[in-house]
C-alpha atoms as a PDB file:
ATOM      1  CA  MET A   1      -0.100  -0.033  -0.027  1.00  0.00           C
ATOM      2  CA  GLY A   2       1.522   3.288  -1.120  1.00  0.00           C
ATOM      3  CA  LYS A   3       0.125   6.830  -0.700  1.00  0.00           C
ATOM      4  CA  THR A   4       0.216   9.822  -3.104  1.00  0.00           C
ATOM      5  CA  LYS A   5      -0.708  13.383  -2.889  1.00  0.00           C
ATOM      6  CA  GLU A   6      -3.900  14.232  -4.744  1.00  0.00           C
ATOM      7  CA  LEU A   7      -3.227  14.221  -8.370  1.00  0.00           C
ATOM      8  CA  SER A   8      -5.122  14.923 -11.493  1.00  0.00           C
ATOM      9  CA  LYS A   9      -6.757  11.938 -13.341  1.00  0.00           C
ATOM     10  CA  ASP A  10      -4.095  11.903 -16.079  1.00  0.00           C
ATOM     11  CA  ILE A  11      -1.026  11.467 -13.763  1.00  0.00           C
ATOM     12  CA  ARG A  12      -3.068   8.890 -11.786  1.00  0.00           C
ATOM     13  CA  ASN A  13      -3.346   6.737 -14.992  1.00  0.00           C
ATOM     14  CA  LYS A  14       0.103   7.331 -15.940  1.00  0.00           C
ATOM     15  CA  ILE A  15       1.133   5.845 -12.282  1.00  0.00           C
ATOM     16  CA  VAL A  16      -1.450   2.816 -13.125  1.00  0.00           C
ATOM     17  CA  ASP A  17       0.260   2.003 -16.018  1.00  0.00           C
ATOM     18  CA  LEU A  18       3.854   2.284 -14.928  1.00  0.00           C
ATOM     19  CA  HIS A  19       2.828   0.146 -12.129  1.00  0.00           C
ATOM     20  CA  LYS A  20       1.626  -2.419 -14.596  1.00  0.00           C
ATOM     21  CA  ALA A  21       4.400  -2.200 -16.376  1.00  0.00           C
ATOM     22  CA  GLY A  22       6.332  -3.648 -13.220  1.00  0.00           C
ATOM     23  CA  MET A  23       8.018  -0.413 -12.491  1.00  0.00           C
ATOM     24  CA  GLY A  24       8.598   0.127  -8.534  1.00  0.00           C
ATOM     25  CA  TYR A  25       7.652   3.380  -6.462  1.00  0.00           C
ATOM     26  CA  LYS A  26      11.201   4.731  -6.671  1.00  0.00           C
ATOM     27  CA  THR A  27      11.511   4.168 -10.371  1.00  0.00           C
ATOM     28  CA  ILE A  28       8.059   5.690 -10.797  1.00  0.00           C
ATOM     29  CA  SER A  29       8.984   8.691  -8.542  1.00  0.00           C
ATOM     30  CA  LYS A  30      12.329   9.402 -10.641  1.00  0.00           C
ATOM     31  CA  LYS A  31      10.291   9.134 -13.702  1.00  0.00           C
ATOM     32  CA  LEU A  32       7.618  11.584 -12.605  1.00  0.00           C
ATOM     33  CA  GLY A  33       9.804  13.968 -10.880  1.00  0.00           C
ATOM     34  CA  ASN A  34       8.060  16.680  -8.870  1.00  0.00           C
ATOM     35  CA  ILE A  35       4.908  15.871 -10.397  1.00  0.00           C
ATOM     36  CA  ALA A  36       3.811  13.249  -7.803  1.00  0.00           C
ATOM     37  CA  HIS A  37       5.277  12.240  -4.631  1.00  0.00           C
ATOM     38  CA  LEU A  38       5.364   8.442  -3.700  1.00  0.00           C
ATOM     39  CA  PHE A  39       6.478   7.028  -0.567  1.00  0.00           C
ATOM     40  CA  LEU A  40       9.172   4.625  -0.739  1.00  0.00           C
ATOM     41  CA  LYS A  41       9.133   0.924   0.589  1.00  0.00           C
ATOM     42  CA  ASP A  42      11.622   1.909   3.270  1.00  0.00           C
ATOM     43  CA  GLU A  43       9.136   4.649   4.260  1.00  0.00           C
ATOM     44  CA  ILE A  44       6.247   2.373   4.905  1.00  0.00           C
ATOM     45  CA  GLU A  45       5.869   0.223   7.877  1.00  0.00           C
ATOM     46  CA  SER A  46       4.106  -3.099   7.208  1.00  0.00           C
ATOM     47  CA  THR A  47       2.724  -5.798   9.502  1.00  0.00           C
ATOM     48  CA  GLY A  48       3.458  -8.409   6.998  1.00  0.00           C
ATOM     49  CA  ILE A  49       0.785 -11.155   6.042  1.00  0.00           C
ATOM     50  CA  ARG A  50      -1.430 -12.548   8.899  1.00  0.00           C
ATOM     51  CA  PRO A  51      -4.297 -14.976   8.873  1.00  0.00           C
ATOM     52  CA  ASN A  52      -7.750 -14.264   9.107  1.00  0.00           C
ATOM     53  CA  HIS A  53     -10.290 -16.361  10.887  1.00  0.00           C
ATOM     54  CA  ASP A  54     -12.174 -17.538   7.651  1.00  0.00           C
ATOM     55  CA  GLY A  55      -9.056 -18.450   5.958  1.00  0.00           C
ATOM     56  CA  SER A  56      -8.078 -15.575   4.057  1.00  0.00           C
ATOM     57  CA  TYR A  57      -5.072 -13.205   4.774  1.00  0.00           C
ATOM     58  CA  GLN A  58      -4.672  -9.564   5.473  1.00  0.00           C
ATOM     59  CA  LEU A  59      -1.853  -7.062   5.153  1.00  0.00           C
ATOM     60  CA  ARG A  60      -1.607  -3.693   6.659  1.00  0.00           C
ATOM     61  CA  LYS A  61       0.533  -0.992   5.733  1.00  0.00           C
ATOM     62  CA  SER A  62       1.109   2.566   7.319  1.00  0.00           C
ATOM     63  CA  VAL A  63       3.071   5.601   6.806  1.00  0.00           C
ATOM     64  CA  GLU A  64       3.884   8.822   8.737  1.00  0.00           C
ATOM     65  CA  PHE A  65       3.799  12.234   7.332  1.00  0.00           C
ATOM     66  CA  ASN A  66       3.600  15.572   8.391  1.00  0.00           C
ATOM     67  CA  LYS A  67       0.401  16.658  10.516  1.00  0.00           C
ATOM     68  CA  GLU A  68       0.053  20.014   8.716  1.00  0.00           C
ATOM     69  CA  GLU A  69      -0.497  18.245   5.488  1.00  0.00           C
ATOM     70  CA  ARG A  70      -3.545  16.092   6.290  1.00  0.00           C
ATOM     71  CA  ASP A  71      -5.785  17.121   3.344  1.00  0.00           C
ATOM     72  CA  GLY A  72      -4.694  15.824  -0.195  1.00  0.00           C
ATOM     73  CA  TYR A  73      -3.933  12.203   0.010  1.00  0.00           C
ATOM     74  CA  ASP A  74      -4.918   9.222  -1.502  1.00  0.00           C
ATOM     75  CA  CYS A  75      -4.675   5.443  -0.815  1.00  0.00           C
ATOM     76  CA  PHE A  76      -3.478   3.460  -3.857  1.00  0.00           C
ATOM     77  CA  VAL A  77      -3.961  -0.268  -3.975  1.00  0.00           C
ATOM     78  CA  SER A  78      -3.018  -2.481  -6.817  1.00  0.00           C
ATOM     79  CA  HIS A  79      -3.077  -6.254  -6.793  1.00  0.00           C
ATOM     80  CA  LYS A  80      -3.229  -8.936  -9.916  1.00  0.00           C
ATOM     81  CA  THR A  81      -6.655 -10.037  -8.822  1.00  0.00           C
ATOM     82  CA  LEU A  82      -7.940  -6.618  -9.301  1.00  0.00           C
ATOM     83  CA  LYS A  83      -8.988  -5.692 -12.671  1.00  0.00           C
ATOM     84  CA  GLU A  84      -7.724  -2.100 -12.037  1.00  0.00           C
ATOM     85  CA  PRO A  85      -5.717  -0.347  -9.249  1.00  0.00           C
ATOM     86  CA  ILE A  86      -8.289   1.077  -6.109  1.00  0.00           C
ATOM     87  CA  ILE A  87      -7.528   4.626  -5.537  1.00  0.00           C
ATOM     88  CA  VAL A  88      -9.412   6.067  -2.315  1.00  0.00           C
ATOM     89  CA  LYS A  89      -9.354   9.658  -1.285  1.00  0.00           C
ATOM     90  CA  TRP A  90      -8.336  10.385   2.289  1.00  0.00           C
ATOM     91  CA  ASP A  91     -10.977  12.617   4.434  1.00  0.00           C
ATOM     92  CA  GLY A  92      -8.388  14.110   6.605  1.00  0.00           C
ATOM     93  CA  LYS A  93      -9.724  12.176   9.755  1.00  0.00           C
ATOM     94  CA  CYS A  94      -7.194  10.398  12.009  1.00  0.00           C
ATOM     95  CA  LYS A  95      -8.544   7.267  14.021  1.00  0.00           C
ATOM     96  CA  ASP A  96      -4.884   6.097  15.448  1.00  0.00           C
ATOM     97  CA  CYS A  97      -3.432   9.381  16.402  1.00  0.00           C
ATOM     98  CA  THR A  98      -2.633   8.178  19.543  1.00  0.00           C
ATOM     99  CA  VAL A  99       0.853  10.060  19.820  1.00  0.00           C
ATOM    100  CA  GLU A 100      -1.224  12.942  19.519  1.00  0.00           C
ATOM    101  CA  ALA A 101      -3.510  12.223  22.006  1.00  0.00           C
ATOM    102  CA  VAL A 102      -1.228  11.189  24.537  1.00  0.00           C
ATOM    103  CA  THR A 103       0.885  14.556  23.874  1.00  0.00           C
ATOM    104  CA  ASP A 104      -2.241  16.586  24.313  1.00  0.00           C
ATOM    105  CA  TRP A 105      -3.142  14.741  27.640  1.00  0.00           C
ATOM    106  CA  LEU A 106       0.303  15.012  29.041  1.00  0.00           C
ATOM    107  CA  GLY A 107       0.161  18.799  28.052  1.00  0.00           C
ATOM    108  CA  VAL A 108      -2.771  19.054  30.165  1.00  0.00           C
ATOM    109  CA  VAL A 109      -1.704  16.985  33.141  1.00  0.00           C
ATOM    110  CA  PHE A 110       1.566  18.841  33.033  1.00  0.00           C
ATOM    111  CA  GLY A 111      -0.207  22.192  33.545  1.00  0.00           C
ATOM    112  CA  VAL A 112      -2.272  21.038  36.060  1.00  0.00           C
ATOM    113  CA  VAL A 113       0.580  19.477  37.994  1.00  0.00           C
ATOM    114  CA  LEU A 114       2.637  22.911  37.484  1.00  0.00           C
ATOM    115  CA  ALA A 115      -0.434  24.951  38.573  1.00  0.00           C
ATOM    116  CA  LEU A 116      -0.738  22.652  41.790  1.00  0.00           C
ATOM    117  CA  ALA A 117       2.993  23.122  42.456  1.00  0.00           C
ATOM    118  CA  VAL A 118       2.870  27.035  42.121  1.00  0.00           C
ATOM    119  CA  GLY A 119      -0.188  27.242  44.334  1.00  0.00           C
ATOM    120  CA  SER A 120       1.386  25.137  46.993  1.00  0.00           C
ATOM    121  CA  LEU A 121       4.400  27.191  47.078  1.00  0.00           C
ATOM    122  CA  VAL A 122       2.761  30.468  47.246  1.00  0.00           C
ATOM    123  CA  LEU A 123       0.719  28.905  49.979  1.00  0.00           C
ATOM    124  CA  TYR A 124       3.447  27.774  51.874  1.00  0.00           C
ATOM    125  CA  ILE A 125       5.251  31.397  51.607  1.00  0.00           C
ATOM    126  CA  LEU A 126       2.006  33.122  52.863  1.00  0.00           C
ATOM    127  CA  VAL A 127       1.972  30.640  55.593  1.00  0.00           C
ATOM    128  CA  LYS A 128       5.646  30.998  56.680  1.00  0.00           C
ATOM    129  CA  LYS A 129       5.283  35.150  56.422  1.00  0.00           C
ATOM    130  CA  LYS A 130       2.198  34.654  58.606  1.00  0.00           C
ATOM    131  CA  ILE A 131      -0.107  36.445  56.115  1.00  0.00           C
ATOM    132  CA  ILE A 132      -2.160  33.301  56.357  1.00  0.00           C
ATOM    133  CA  VAL A 133      -2.936  31.722  59.794  1.00  0.00           C
ATOM    134  CA  GLN A 134      -3.499  28.024  59.886  1.00  0.00           C
ATOM    135  CA  ARG A 135      -6.509  26.817  61.786  1.00  0.00           C
ATOM    136  CA  ALA A 136      -6.738  23.664  63.103  1.00  0.00           C
ATOM    137  CA  CYS A 137      -9.921  21.618  63.509  1.00  0.00           C
ATOM    138  CA  GLU A 138     -11.609  22.500  66.995  1.00  0.00           C
ATOM    139  CA  GLU A 139     -13.325  19.979  68.820  1.00  0.00           C
ATOM    140  CA  ARG A 140     -15.842  20.815  71.220  1.00  0.00           C
ATOM    141  CA  VAL A 141     -15.464  18.945  74.673  1.00  0.00           C
ATOM    142  CA  ASN A 142     -17.394  18.955  77.874  1.00  0.00           C
ATOM    143  CA  SER A 143     -14.227  19.628  80.175  1.00  0.00           C
ATOM    144  CA  PHE A 144     -10.416  20.334  79.592  1.00  0.00           C
ATOM    145  CA  LYS A 145      -7.545  20.257  81.818  1.00  0.00           C
ATOM    146  CA  PHE A 146      -5.497  23.234  82.558  1.00  0.00           C
ATOM    147  CA  LEU A 147      -2.506  23.163  84.942  1.00  0.00           C
ATOM    148  CA  GLY A 148      -3.963  20.623  86.820  1.00  0.00           C
ATOM    149  CA  VAL A 149      -7.556  21.984  87.224  1.00  0.00           C
ATOM    150  CA  HIS A 150     -10.417  20.509  85.131  1.00  0.00           C
ATOM    151  CA  ILE A 151     -12.486  23.515  83.677  1.00  0.00           C
ATOM    152  CA  SER A 152     -16.281  22.315  82.739  1.00  0.00           C
ATOM    153  CA  GLU A 153     -18.153  23.963  79.824  1.00  0.00           C
ATOM    154  CA  ASP A 154     -20.792  25.180  82.373  1.00  0.00           C
ATOM    155  CA  LEU A 155     -17.826  26.815  84.664  1.00  0.00           C
ATOM    156  CA  THR A 156     -18.693  24.475  87.524  1.00  0.00           C
ATOM    157  CA  TRP A 157     -16.180  22.594  89.869  1.00  0.00           C
ATOM    158  CA  THR A 158     -18.115  19.365  90.185  1.00  0.00           C
ATOM    159  CA  THR A 159     -15.674  17.591  87.346  1.00  0.00           C
ATOM    160  CA  SER A 160     -12.731  18.905  88.916  1.00  0.00           C
ATOM    161  CA  CYS A 161     -13.719  18.073  92.673  1.00  0.00           C
ATOM    162  CA  SER A 162     -14.731  14.331  91.692  1.00  0.00           C
ATOM    163  CA  LYS A 163     -11.281  14.125  89.904  1.00  0.00           C
ATOM    164  CA  LEU A 164      -9.283  15.258  93.025  1.00  0.00           C
ATOM    165  CA  VAL A 165     -11.427  13.154  95.461  1.00  0.00           C
ATOM    166  CA  LYS A 166     -10.729   9.815  93.205  1.00  0.00           C
ATOM    167  CA  LYS A 167      -6.886  10.527  93.329  1.00  0.00           C
ATOM    168  CA  ALA A 168      -6.905  11.410  97.324  1.00  0.00           C
ATOM    169  CA  HIS A 169      -8.779   7.872  97.786  1.00  0.00           C
ATOM    170  CA  GLN A 170      -6.196   6.110  95.868  1.00  0.00           C
ATOM    171  CA  ARG A 171      -3.479   7.856  98.258  1.00  0.00           C
ATOM    172  CA  LEU A 172      -5.398   6.665 101.385  1.00  0.00           C
ATOM    173  CA  PHE A 173      -4.249   3.076 100.731  1.00  0.00           C
ATOM    174  CA  PHE A 174      -0.890   4.011 101.196  1.00  0.00           C
ATOM    175  CA  LEU A 175      -1.786   5.954 104.370  1.00  0.00           C
ATOM    176  CA  ARG A 176      -3.258   2.658 105.803  1.00  0.00           C
ATOM    177  CA  THR A 177      -0.323   0.476 105.050  1.00  0.00           C
ATOM    178  CA  LEU A 178       1.770   2.842 106.846  1.00  0.00           C
ATOM    179  CA  ARG A 179      -0.474   2.767 109.965  1.00  0.00           C
ATOM    180  CA  LYS A 180      -0.496  -1.028 109.636  1.00  0.00           C
ATOM    181  CA  ASN A 181       3.450  -1.033 110.060  1.00  0.00           C
ATOM    182  CA  ASN A 182       3.060   0.844 113.350  1.00  0.00           C
ATOM    183  CA  LEU A 183       4.343   4.511 112.365  1.00  0.00           C
ATOM    184  CA  SER A 184       3.855   7.258 114.545  1.00  0.00           C
ATOM    185  CA  SER A 185       1.289   9.853 113.961  1.00  0.00           C
ATOM    186  CA  ASP A 186       3.456  12.536 113.304  1.00  0.00           C
ATOM    187  CA  ILE A 187       4.775  10.541 110.114  1.00  0.00           C
ATOM    188  CA  LEU A 188       1.363   9.604 109.188  1.00  0.00           C
ATOM    189  CA  VAL A 189       0.387  13.666 109.194  1.00  0.00           C
ATOM    190  CA  ASN A 190       3.457  14.493 107.167  1.00  0.00           C
ATOM    191  CA  PHE A 191       2.676  11.889 104.827  1.00  0.00           C
ATOM    192  CA  HIS A 192      -1.284  13.096 104.585  1.00  0.00           C
ATOM    193  CA  ARG A 193       0.122  16.855 103.986  1.00  0.00           C
ATOM    194  CA  CYS A 194       2.479  15.700 101.458  1.00  0.00           C
ATOM    195  CA  THR A 195       0.238  13.291  99.233  1.00  0.00           C
ATOM    196  CA  ILE A 196      -3.394  13.696  99.975  1.00  0.00           C
ATOM    197  CA  GLU A 197      -3.714  17.300 101.334  1.00  0.00           C
ATOM    198  CA  SER A 198      -1.387  18.502  98.165  1.00  0.00           C
ATOM    199  CA  ILE A 199      -3.924  17.071  95.932  1.00  0.00           C
ATOM    200  CA  LEU A 200      -7.130  18.277  97.435  1.00  0.00           C
ATOM    201  CA  THR A 201      -5.915  21.867  97.731  1.00  0.00           C
ATOM    202  CA  ASN A 202      -4.225  22.024  94.473  1.00  0.00           C
ATOM    203  CA  CYS A 203      -5.243  25.777  93.104  1.00  0.00           C
ATOM    204  CA  ILE A 204      -7.584  25.849  95.920  1.00  0.00           C
ATOM    205  CA  THR A 205      -8.079  29.612  95.807  1.00  0.00           C
ATOM    206  CA  VAL A 206      -9.327  29.633  92.392  1.00  0.00           C
ATOM    207  CA  TRP A 207     -12.183  27.115  92.640  1.00  0.00           C
ATOM    208  CA  TYR A 208     -13.118  26.425  96.278  1.00  0.00           C
ATOM    209  CA  GLY A 209     -15.189  29.530  96.621  1.00  0.00           C
ATOM    210  CA  SER A 210     -17.445  28.486  93.733  1.00  0.00           C
ATOM    211  CA  CYS A 211     -17.905  25.016  94.841  1.00  0.00           C
ATOM    212  CA  SER A 212     -21.071  23.408  95.634  1.00  0.00           C
ATOM    213  CA  ALA A 213     -22.056  22.123  99.181  1.00  0.00           C
ATOM    214  CA  SER A 214     -21.919  18.563  98.021  1.00  0.00           C
ATOM    215  CA  ASP A 215     -18.310  19.149  96.342  1.00  0.00           C
ATOM    216  CA  ARG A 216     -16.960  20.674  99.638  1.00  0.00           C
ATOM    217  CA  LYS A 217     -18.553  17.906 101.728  1.00  0.00           C
ATOM    218  CA  ALA A 218     -17.027  15.064  99.493  1.00  0.00           C
ATOM    219  CA  LEU A 219     -13.675  16.787  99.921  1.00  0.00           C
ATOM    220  CA  GLN A 220     -13.854  17.100 103.734  1.00  0.00           C
ATOM    221  CA  ARG A 221     -14.903  13.038 103.844  1.00  0.00           C
ATOM    222  CA  VAL A 222     -11.599  12.446 102.484  1.00  0.00           C
ATOM    223  CA  VAL A 223      -9.991  14.770 104.990  1.00  0.00           C
ATOM    224  CA  LYS A 224     -11.844  13.215 107.917  1.00  0.00           C
ATOM    225  CA  ALA A 225     -11.115   9.486 106.669  1.00  0.00           C
ATOM    226  CA  ALA A 226      -7.333  10.743 106.647  1.00  0.00           C
ATOM    227  CA  GLN A 227      -7.771  11.911 110.346  1.00  0.00           C
ATOM    228  CA  ARG A 228      -9.451   8.747 111.508  1.00  0.00           C
ATOM    229  CA  ILE A 229      -6.263   6.636 110.076  1.00  0.00           C
ATOM    230  CA  ALA A 230      -3.709   8.948 111.204  1.00  0.00           C
ATOM    231  CA  GLY A 231      -5.139   9.202 114.634  1.00  0.00           C
ATOM    232  CA  ALA A 232      -4.395  13.096 114.814  1.00  0.00           C
ATOM    233  CA  PRO A 233      -6.465  16.387 114.097  1.00  0.00           C
ATOM    234  CA  LEU A 234      -5.992  17.594 110.745  1.00  0.00           C
ATOM    235  CA  PRO A 235      -6.959  20.826 109.263  1.00  0.00           C
ATOM    236  CA  SER A 236     -10.369  21.269 107.291  1.00  0.00           C
ATOM    237  CA  ILE A 237     -10.729  22.040 103.756  1.00  0.00           C
ATOM    238  CA  GLU A 238     -12.402  25.546 104.770  1.00  0.00           C
ATOM    239  CA  ASP A 239      -9.319  26.437 106.952  1.00  0.00           C
ATOM    240  CA  ILE A 240      -6.900  25.841 104.708  1.00  0.00           C
ATOM    241  CA  TYR A 241      -8.866  27.673 101.965  1.00  0.00           C
ATOM    242  CA  ARG A 242      -9.196  30.804 104.046  1.00  0.00           C
ATOM    243  CA  LYS A 243      -5.360  30.755 105.292  1.00  0.00           C
ATOM    244  CA  ARG A 244      -4.386  30.392 101.479  1.00  0.00           C
ATOM    245  CA  CYS A 245      -6.519  33.291 100.494  1.00  0.00           C
ATOM    246  CA  LEU A 246      -4.812  35.681 103.335  1.00  0.00           C
ATOM    247  CA  ARG A 247      -1.266  34.550 102.555  1.00  0.00           C
ATOM    248  CA  ARG A 248      -2.030  35.189  98.758  1.00  0.00           C
ATOM    249  CA  ALA A 249      -3.799  38.777  99.355  1.00  0.00           C
ATOM    250  CA  GLY A 250      -0.911  39.559 101.511  1.00  0.00           C
ATOM    251  CA  LYS A 251       1.529  39.004  98.789  1.00  0.00           C
ATOM    252  CA  ILE A 252      -0.307  41.078  96.141  1.00  0.00           C
ATOM    253  CA  ILE A 253      -0.735  44.057  98.570  1.00  0.00           C
ATOM    254  CA  LYS A 254       2.939  44.089  99.004  1.00  0.00           C
ATOM    255  CA  ASP A 255       3.543  44.050  95.501  1.00  0.00           C
ATOM    256  CA  PRO A 256       2.609  47.334  93.713  1.00  0.00           C
ATOM    257  CA  SER A 257       3.518  45.704  90.207  1.00  0.00           C
ATOM    258  CA  HIS A 258       0.920  43.171  90.646  1.00  0.00           C
ATOM    259  CA  PRO A 259      -2.081  43.726  88.065  1.00  0.00           C
ATOM    260  CA  ALA A 260      -4.720  43.047  91.041  1.00  0.00           C
ATOM    261  CA  HIS A 261      -2.771  45.567  93.377  1.00  0.00           C
ATOM    262  CA  ARG A 262      -5.142  48.287  92.952  1.00  0.00           C
ATOM    263  CA  LEU A 263      -8.249  46.219  93.974  1.00  0.00           C
ATOM    264  CA  PHE A 264      -6.951  46.234  97.693  1.00  0.00           C
ATOM    265  CA  THR A 265      -7.289  50.037  98.458  1.00  0.00           C
ATOM    266  CA  LEU A 266      -7.609  51.106 102.164  1.00  0.00           C
ATOM    267  CA  LEU A 267     -10.583  53.291 103.552  1.00  0.00           C
ATOM    268  CA  PRO A 268      -9.715  56.628 105.139  1.00  0.00           C
ATOM    269  CA  SER A 269      -9.400  54.875 108.395  1.00  0.00           C
ATOM    270  CA  GLY A 270      -6.665  52.838 107.298  1.00  0.00           C
ATOM    271  CA  ARG A 271      -7.724  49.654 108.797  1.00  0.00           C
ATOM    272  CA  ARG A 272     -10.131  48.190 106.501  1.00  0.00           C
ATOM    273  CA  TYR A 273     -10.023  47.518 102.771  1.00  0.00           C
ATOM    274  CA  ARG A 274     -12.867  48.770 100.425  1.00  0.00           C
ATOM    275  CA  SER A 275     -15.049  45.963  99.308  1.00  0.00           C
ATOM    276  CA  LEU A 276     -15.542  45.380  95.711  1.00  0.00           C
ATOM    277  CA  ARG A 277     -18.878  45.562  94.079  1.00  0.00           C
ATOM    278  CA  THR A 278     -20.245  42.282  92.671  1.00  0.00           C
ATOM    279  CA  LYS A 279     -23.784  41.894  90.804  1.00  0.00           C
ATOM    280  CA  THR A 280     -23.332  38.029  90.557  1.00  0.00           C
ATOM    281  CA  THR A 281     -23.022  35.009  92.878  1.00  0.00           C
ATOM    282  CA  ARG A 282     -20.062  33.749  90.967  1.00  0.00           C
ATOM    283  CA  TYR A 283     -18.043  36.967  91.199  1.00  0.00           C
ATOM    284  CA  ARG A 284     -18.998  37.479  94.866  1.00  0.00           C
ATOM    285  CA  ASN A 285     -17.497  33.596  95.528  1.00  0.00           C
ATOM    286  CA  SER A 286     -14.218  34.417  93.612  1.00  0.00           C
ATOM    287  CA  PHE A 287     -10.945  35.097  95.003  1.00  0.00           C
ATOM    288  CA  TYR A 288     -10.731  38.685  94.997  1.00  0.00           C
ATOM    289  CA  PRO A 289     -13.967  39.807  97.273  1.00  0.00           C
ATOM    290  CA  THR A 290     -13.261  36.907  99.423  1.00  0.00           C
ATOM    291  CA  ALA A 291      -9.937  37.956  99.836  1.00  0.00           C
ATOM    292  CA  VAL A 292     -10.990  41.469 100.755  1.00  0.00           C
ATOM    293  CA  ARG A 293     -13.764  40.258 103.161  1.00  0.00           C
ATOM    294  CA  LEU A 294     -11.219  37.881 104.857  1.00  0.00           C
ATOM    295  CA  ARG A 295      -8.552  40.879 105.036  1.00  0.00           C
ATOM    296  CA  ASN A 296     -11.305  42.800 106.665  1.00  0.00           C
ATOM    297  CA  SER A 297     -12.565  40.226 109.236  1.00  0.00           C
ATOM    298  CA  ALA A 298      -8.861  39.603 110.303  1.00  0.00           C
ATOM    299  CA  SER A 299      -8.435  42.981 111.095  1.00  0.00           C
END
């Protein structure tokens, strides 16, 4: 199978006659010169003769040419079984242009990848320069732990107190073990202050004033249990809370650079402090109003 550029009918007839005379493609091309262009045999790729399912045979040949010259090509077929050669004009459509399709797809993919890479690079630079701030996914929880204190979403201290009571009960086991080994009461009291009382009074000036009555009773029951085991009197949670508030307030009053120093202002008498105005129970039971009341009652 050869291919010729679209020619006039006379030139086609000449090619047919020369082909019938036994001339090859190369001889015909030289003889016709620039009038017609025929592809040589070494320019045509052939699949070779292959059998069909019906007992016949097939032969397929293909040739490559410039894609800009799609128009004006004919397929010329000649065989001894044909009365005259068959010339079919090509319509310009390409059914097996896989190379062009792959090239086009590669161009599209490369463009998309390049755009993503540039976008990622720009985003990375903006994040690094803190022009864009990354925001992590936030999960809503009922409570969270901060500096050893459990803060609930409703701003109550029941969760925190229950956690403290549970941890303190675990330490009571060791206190009982020390008593079984006949240690003195002084050692048991010191052990209580170091391992149990330190847990129950962690950040007590922050949360104890706003605790419910049931939470305070649960904390005090732990102290009473430790008192029975130690066999010696122990300070109550309420007394420890008041003592810690007075000590903390004294440090604030002595430190003029403290942000809350201005809340402790003396009255003209110089003996009592001005009470803080409170509109809610939560604020009235918080540390600063309580500390002012305790300072005034102690004076």
